[in-house]
Amino acid sequence: MPDGTSPPTRTLDARKLQLGIVVADLDATVAQLERLLGVGPFRRMDVPAAGVRAAMADWAGVEIELL
């Protein structure tokens, strides 16, 4: 800043970070993440009336949601 002071800083409220990823094959992606990265256990949610299948897992402080 022109007067030599620092600009105000913002903090990120990191209580929960969610990452949603659309995948072509839900079951294969879940299996790969479990095997390769140790992600899991996954919680599954199926809503046939809406055509939605999802799997969620917490990993290193991030909730991963696969759709």
Protein backbone atom coordinates (compact mmCIF):
# COMPACT_ATOMS: atom_id res chain seq x y z
CA MET A 1 0.00 0.00 0.00
CA PRO A 2 1.23 3.55 -0.63
CA ASP A 3 1.50 4.43 3.06
CA GLY A 4 3.72 1.39 3.76
CA THR A 5 1.10 -0.60 5.64
CA SER A 6 0.11 -4.10 4.64
CA PRO A 7 -3.25 -4.70 3.01
CA PRO A 8 -5.83 -6.48 5.15
CA THR A 9 -5.62 -10.25 4.95
CA ARG A 10 -8.46 -12.68 4.53
CA THR A 11 -8.56 -16.05 6.18
CA LEU A 12 -10.15 -19.13 4.69
CA ASP A 13 -12.63 -20.88 6.92
CA ALA A 14 -11.23 -24.37 6.40
CA ARG A 15 -13.65 -26.32 8.53
CA LYS A 16 -14.83 -28.24 5.48
CA LEU A 17 -13.58 -28.23 1.92
CA GLN A 18 -15.65 -30.14 -0.61
CA LEU A 19 -14.49 -31.27 -4.03
CA GLY A 20 -17.09 -32.56 -6.49
CA ILE A 21 -15.93 -34.56 -9.51
CA VAL A 22 -18.10 -35.90 -12.33
CA VAL A 23 -16.82 -39.31 -13.43
CA ALA A 24 -17.74 -41.66 -16.28
CA ASP A 25 -17.71 -44.84 -14.16
CA LEU A 26 -18.50 -44.33 -10.47
CA ASP A 27 -17.69 -47.88 -9.33
CA ALA A 28 -14.36 -48.02 -11.19
CA THR A 29 -13.31 -44.59 -9.88
CA VAL A 30 -14.14 -45.53 -6.29
CA ALA A 31 -12.10 -48.74 -6.65
CA GLN A 32 -9.12 -46.85 -8.12
CA LEU A 33 -9.10 -44.18 -5.40
CA GLU A 34 -9.35 -46.84 -2.69
CA ARG A 35 -6.55 -48.92 -4.20
CA LEU A 36 -4.13 -46.22 -5.39
CA LEU A 37 -4.54 -43.49 -2.76
CA GLY A 38 -6.15 -45.25 0.19
CA VAL A 39 -9.20 -42.98 0.02
CA GLY A 40 -12.25 -44.28 1.84
CA PRO A 41 -14.42 -45.62 3.12
CA PHE A 42 -16.90 -44.22 0.63
CA ARG A 43 -20.51 -43.51 1.55
CA ARG A 44 -22.88 -44.09 -1.34
CA MET A 45 -26.06 -42.29 -2.24
CA ASP A 46 -28.41 -43.45 -4.98
CA VAL A 47 -31.51 -41.46 -5.96
CA PRO A 48 -32.97 -43.33 -8.94
CA ALA A 49 -35.90 -40.93 -9.37
CA ALA A 50 -33.42 -38.09 -9.97
CA GLY A 51 -30.92 -40.22 -11.88
CA VAL A 52 -28.21 -39.51 -9.31
CA ARG A 53 -25.54 -41.89 -8.06
CA ALA A 54 -22.83 -40.50 -5.81
CA ALA A 55 -20.05 -41.64 -3.54
CA MET A 56 -18.48 -39.49 -0.82
CA ALA A 57 -15.37 -39.92 1.30
CA ASP A 58 -13.27 -37.77 3.61
CA TRP A 59 -9.60 -37.62 2.70
CA ALA A 60 -6.97 -35.38 4.30
CA GLY A 61 -9.59 -32.87 5.45
CA VAL A 62 -11.37 -32.74 2.08
CA GLU A 63 -14.73 -34.28 1.34
CA ILE A 64 -14.49 -35.87 -2.10
CA GLU A 65 -17.83 -36.30 -3.84
CA LEU A 66 -17.92 -38.39 -6.99
CA LEU A 67 -20.96 -38.04 -9.26
